[in-house]
N, C-alpha and C. Protein backbone atom coordinates (compact mmCIF):
# COMPACT_ATOMS: atom_id res chain seq x y z
N UNK A 1 0.84 -1.18 0.00
CA UNK A 1 0.00 0.00 0.00
C UNK A 1 0.88 1.24 0.00
N UNK A 2 0.36 2.25 -0.66
CA UNK A 2 1.15 3.46 -0.74
C UNK A 2 1.01 4.29 0.53
N UNK A 3 2.02 5.08 0.79
CA UNK A 3 2.01 5.94 1.98
C UNK A 3 0.90 7.00 1.88
N UNK A 4 0.61 7.46 0.66
CA UNK A 4 -0.45 8.46 0.49
C UNK A 4 -1.81 7.89 0.90
N UNK A 5 -2.04 6.65 0.53
CA UNK A 5 -3.32 6.01 0.88
C UNK A 5 -3.45 5.89 2.39
N UNK A 6 -2.39 5.47 3.06
CA UNK A 6 -2.41 5.31 4.50
C UNK A 6 -2.63 6.65 5.19
N UNK A 7 -1.95 7.70 4.73
CA UNK A 7 -2.11 9.03 5.33
C UNK A 7 -3.53 9.57 5.12
N UNK A 8 -4.07 9.34 3.93
CA UNK A 8 -5.43 9.80 3.65
C UNK A 8 -6.43 9.07 4.53
N UNK A 9 -6.26 7.76 4.65
CA UNK A 9 -7.14 6.97 5.49
C UNK A 9 -7.03 7.40 6.96
N UNK A 10 -5.82 7.67 7.41
CA UNK A 10 -5.61 8.11 8.78
C UNK A 10 -6.27 9.47 9.01
N UNK A 11 -6.16 10.37 8.03
CA UNK A 11 -6.80 11.69 8.15
C UNK A 11 -8.32 11.57 8.19
N UNK A 12 -8.86 10.65 7.38
CA UNK A 12 -10.31 10.44 7.40
C UNK A 12 -10.77 9.90 8.75
N UNK A 13 -10.01 8.99 9.33
CA UNK A 13 -10.36 8.44 10.63
C UNK A 13 -10.31 9.49 11.73
N UNK A 14 -9.29 10.33 11.69
CA UNK A 14 -9.16 11.40 12.69
C UNK A 14 -10.34 12.37 12.56
N UNK A 15 -10.69 12.73 11.32
CA UNK A 15 -11.81 13.65 11.08
C UNK A 15 -13.13 13.02 11.55
N UNK A 16 -13.31 11.75 11.28
CA UNK A 16 -14.54 11.07 11.72
C UNK A 16 -14.62 11.03 13.23
N UNK A 17 -13.50 10.78 13.89
CA UNK A 17 -13.50 10.73 15.36
C UNK A 17 -13.80 12.10 15.95
N UNK A 18 -13.30 13.17 15.34
CA UNK A 18 -13.58 14.52 15.81
C UNK A 18 -15.07 14.84 15.67
N UNK A 19 -15.66 14.46 14.52
CA UNK A 19 -17.10 14.67 14.33
C UNK A 19 -17.90 13.89 15.36
N UNK A 20 -17.48 12.67 15.62
CA UNK A 20 -18.16 11.82 16.60
C UNK A 20 -18.12 12.45 17.99
N UNK A 21 -16.97 12.98 18.36
CA UNK A 21 -16.83 13.60 19.68
C UNK A 21 -17.62 14.90 19.77
N UNK A 22 -17.72 15.65 18.67
CA UNK A 22 -18.48 16.90 18.67
C UNK A 22 -19.98 16.66 18.81
N UNK A 23 -20.49 15.69 18.08
CA UNK A 23 -21.93 15.45 18.06
C UNK A 23 -22.37 14.39 19.05
N UNK A 24 -21.46 13.65 19.60
CA UNK A 24 -21.79 12.62 20.57
C UNK A 24 -22.37 11.39 19.89
N UNK A 25 -22.48 10.39 20.65
CA UNK A 25 -23.02 9.13 20.14
C UNK A 25 -24.52 9.22 20.05
N UNK A 26 -25.08 8.71 19.00
CA UNK A 26 -26.54 8.69 18.83
C UNK A 26 -27.14 7.44 19.47
N UNK A 27 -26.31 6.52 19.90
CA UNK A 27 -26.80 5.29 20.51
C UNK A 27 -27.10 5.53 21.98
N UNK A 28 -28.03 4.74 22.51
CA UNK A 28 -28.38 4.85 23.91
C UNK A 28 -27.52 3.90 24.73
N UNK A 29 -27.06 4.38 25.85
CA UNK A 29 -26.31 3.50 26.74
C UNK A 29 -27.29 2.69 27.57
N UNK A 30 -26.80 1.68 28.25
CA UNK A 30 -27.67 0.80 29.04
C UNK A 30 -28.44 1.60 30.08
N UNK A 31 -29.74 1.39 30.15
CA UNK A 31 -30.57 2.07 31.14
C UNK A 31 -31.04 3.45 30.72
N UNK A 32 -30.54 3.97 29.61
CA UNK A 32 -30.93 5.30 29.16
C UNK A 32 -32.21 5.20 28.33
N UNK A 33 -33.15 6.11 28.58
CA UNK A 33 -34.41 6.10 27.84
C UNK A 33 -34.29 6.95 26.59
N UNK A 34 -34.99 6.57 25.52
CA UNK A 34 -34.95 7.38 24.31
C UNK A 34 -35.59 8.74 24.53
N UNK A 35 -35.09 9.74 23.80
CA UNK A 35 -35.65 11.08 23.91
C UNK A 35 -37.04 11.10 23.29
N UNK A 36 -37.90 11.94 23.85
CA UNK A 36 -39.24 12.06 23.27
C UNK A 36 -39.13 12.88 21.98
N UNK A 37 -40.08 12.71 21.07
CA UNK A 37 -40.05 13.47 19.82
C UNK A 37 -40.09 14.97 20.12
N UNK A 38 -39.46 15.70 19.29
CA UNK A 38 -39.41 17.15 19.48
C UNK A 38 -40.80 17.77 19.36
N UNK A 39 -41.07 18.83 20.10
CA UNK A 39 -42.39 19.47 20.03
C UNK A 39 -42.74 19.94 18.63
N UNK A 40 -41.76 20.38 17.85
CA UNK A 40 -42.05 20.84 16.49
C UNK A 40 -42.59 19.70 15.64
N UNK A 41 -42.04 18.51 15.81
CA UNK A 41 -42.51 17.37 15.04
C UNK A 41 -43.92 17.00 15.48
N UNK A 42 -44.17 17.02 16.78
CA UNK A 42 -45.51 16.72 17.27
C UNK A 42 -46.52 17.77 16.78
N UNK A 43 -46.12 19.02 16.75
CA UNK A 43 -47.00 20.08 16.25
C UNK A 43 -47.34 19.89 14.79
N UNK A 44 -46.35 19.52 13.99
CA UNK A 44 -46.61 19.27 12.56
C UNK A 44 -47.54 18.07 12.38
N UNK A 45 -47.32 17.04 13.18
CA UNK A 45 -48.17 15.87 13.10
C UNK A 45 -49.61 16.22 13.46
N UNK A 46 -49.78 17.00 14.54
CA UNK A 46 -51.12 17.40 14.96
C UNK A 46 -51.79 18.26 13.89
N UNK A 47 -51.03 19.14 13.26
CA UNK A 47 -51.60 19.98 12.19
C UNK A 47 -52.02 19.12 11.00
N UNK A 48 -51.22 18.13 10.65
CA UNK A 48 -51.56 17.25 9.54
C UNK A 48 -52.83 16.45 9.85
N UNK A 49 -52.97 15.99 11.08
CA UNK A 49 -54.17 15.25 11.47
C UNK A 49 -55.39 16.17 11.41
N UNK A 50 -55.24 17.41 11.87
CA UNK A 50 -56.35 18.37 11.84
C UNK A 50 -56.79 18.65 10.41
N UNK A 51 -55.84 18.80 9.51
CA UNK A 51 -56.17 19.04 8.09
C UNK A 51 -56.90 17.82 7.52
N UNK A 52 -56.42 16.63 7.84
CA UNK A 52 -57.06 15.41 7.34
C UNK A 52 -58.49 15.30 7.85
N UNK A 53 -58.71 15.60 9.12
CA UNK A 53 -60.07 15.55 9.67
C UNK A 53 -60.96 16.58 8.98
N UNK A 54 -60.45 17.78 8.76
CA UNK A 54 -61.23 18.83 8.08
C UNK A 54 -61.60 18.41 6.67
N UNK A 55 -60.68 17.76 5.96
CA UNK A 55 -60.96 17.31 4.59
C UNK A 55 -62.05 16.23 4.61
N UNK A 56 -61.97 15.31 5.56
CA UNK A 56 -62.98 14.25 5.64
C UNK A 56 -64.36 14.85 5.93
N UNK A 57 -64.41 15.79 6.86
CA UNK A 57 -65.68 16.42 7.21
C UNK A 57 -66.23 17.20 6.01
N UNK A 58 -65.37 17.93 5.32
CA UNK A 58 -65.81 18.69 4.15
C UNK A 58 -66.28 17.76 3.04
N UNK A 59 -65.60 16.63 2.85
CA UNK A 59 -66.00 15.68 1.81
C UNK A 59 -67.37 15.09 2.11
N UNK A 60 -67.66 14.83 3.37
CA UNK A 60 -68.98 14.31 3.73
C UNK A 60 -70.06 15.35 3.44
N UNK A 61 -69.76 16.62 3.67
CA UNK A 61 -70.72 17.68 3.40
C UNK A 61 -70.95 17.89 1.92
N UNK A 62 -70.00 17.52 1.08
CA UNK A 62 -70.13 17.69 -0.36
C UNK A 62 -70.83 16.51 -1.03
N UNK A 63 -71.10 15.46 -0.30
CA UNK A 63 -71.76 14.29 -0.88
C UNK A 63 -73.15 14.70 -1.36
N UNK A 64 -73.55 14.19 -2.53
CA UNK A 64 -74.87 14.58 -3.05
C UNK A 64 -75.98 14.04 -2.15
N UNK A 65 -77.05 14.81 -2.06
CA UNK A 65 -78.20 14.40 -1.26
C UNK A 65 -78.85 13.20 -1.93
N UNK A 66 -79.39 12.29 -1.15
CA UNK A 66 -80.06 11.14 -1.76
C UNK A 66 -81.28 11.60 -2.56
N UNK A 67 -81.53 10.91 -3.65
CA UNK A 67 -82.67 11.27 -4.49
C UNK A 67 -83.96 11.00 -3.73
N UNK A 68 -84.97 11.87 -3.91
CA UNK A 68 -86.24 11.64 -3.21
C UNK A 68 -86.91 10.38 -3.75
N UNK A 69 -87.64 9.74 -2.88
CA UNK A 69 -88.36 8.53 -3.28
C UNK A 69 -89.57 8.95 -4.11
N UNK A 70 -89.78 8.24 -5.21
CA UNK A 70 -90.93 8.55 -6.07
C UNK A 70 -92.21 8.07 -5.38
N UNK A 71 -93.29 8.81 -5.53
CA UNK A 71 -94.56 8.38 -4.92
C UNK A 71 -94.98 7.02 -5.51
N UNK A 72 -95.55 6.18 -4.65
CA UNK A 72 -96.01 4.87 -5.12
C UNK A 72 -97.21 4.44 -4.28
N UNK A 73 -98.02 3.62 -4.83
CA UNK A 73 -99.18 3.08 -4.13
C UNK A 73 -98.71 1.89 -3.32
N UNK A 74 -98.97 1.91 -2.04
CA UNK A 74 -98.53 0.82 -1.18
C UNK A 74 -99.70 -0.08 -0.77
N UNK A 75 -100.90 0.38 -0.99
CA UNK A 75 -102.06 -0.46 -0.66
C UNK A 75 -103.34 0.20 -1.12
N UNK A 76 -104.34 -0.61 -1.42
CA UNK A 76 -105.63 -0.11 -1.87
C UNK A 76 -106.67 -0.66 -0.89
N UNK A 77 -107.53 0.23 -0.41
CA UNK A 77 -108.59 -0.18 0.52
C UNK A 77 -109.95 0.04 -0.13
N UNK A 78 -110.77 -0.94 -0.05
CA UNK A 78 -112.16 -0.78 -0.53
C UNK A 78 -112.97 -0.23 0.64
N UNK A 79 -113.43 1.02 0.53
CA UNK A 79 -114.15 1.65 1.64
C UNK A 79 -115.64 1.82 1.34
N UNK A 80 -116.01 1.60 0.12
CA UNK A 80 -117.41 1.75 -0.27
C UNK A 80 -117.79 3.21 -0.42
N UNK A 81 -118.70 3.51 -1.28
CA UNK A 81 -119.14 4.88 -1.50
C UNK A 81 -118.10 5.66 -2.27
N UNK A 82 -118.26 6.95 -2.28
CA UNK A 82 -117.34 7.83 -3.00
C UNK A 82 -116.56 8.66 -1.99
N UNK A 83 -115.24 8.70 -2.11
CA UNK A 83 -114.47 9.53 -1.18
C UNK A 83 -114.76 11.01 -1.41
N UNK A 84 -114.89 11.76 -0.35
CA UNK A 84 -115.19 13.19 -0.47
C UNK A 84 -114.09 14.07 0.12
N UNK A 85 -113.12 13.46 0.80
CA UNK A 85 -112.08 14.26 1.42
C UNK A 85 -110.81 13.43 1.54
N UNK A 86 -109.70 14.11 1.78
CA UNK A 86 -108.40 13.46 1.98
C UNK A 86 -107.65 14.24 3.05
N UNK A 87 -106.77 13.57 3.71
CA UNK A 87 -105.97 14.24 4.75
C UNK A 87 -104.52 13.80 4.60
N UNK A 88 -103.64 14.73 4.80
CA UNK A 88 -102.21 14.44 4.73
C UNK A 88 -101.69 14.43 6.16
N UNK A 89 -101.01 13.34 6.54
CA UNK A 89 -100.48 13.28 7.89
C UNK A 89 -99.41 12.19 8.01
N UNK A 90 -98.43 12.48 8.80
CA UNK A 90 -97.36 11.53 9.08
C UNK A 90 -96.66 11.06 7.82
N UNK A 91 -96.55 11.94 6.85
CA UNK A 91 -95.84 11.62 5.60
C UNK A 91 -96.67 10.83 4.62
N UNK A 92 -97.96 10.69 4.84
CA UNK A 92 -98.82 9.91 3.94
C UNK A 92 -100.09 10.69 3.64
N UNK A 93 -100.74 10.33 2.51
CA UNK A 93 -102.02 10.92 2.14
C UNK A 93 -103.10 9.91 2.48
N UNK A 94 -104.09 10.32 3.28
CA UNK A 94 -105.15 9.41 3.73
C UNK A 94 -106.48 9.87 3.19
């Protein structure tokens, strides 16, 4: 191996070790609990959930109204004589 390669590799290792010491280890030591998510991340998540809920609610409001039911005869009664009056009540014509 060339001396230049060894020196370059050694310089890279020294630089990596300095970065490691500056930023610290990202691994947890025994008994250490993981950090909770940052408040900014939780805030963004909450905002995204709120937007999703608003879209779902708005989409339900935009759904077309069901078509009205067409009038239909549901039964015929023989009452004798001639009918002289009718009454509308409880959603039906009597």
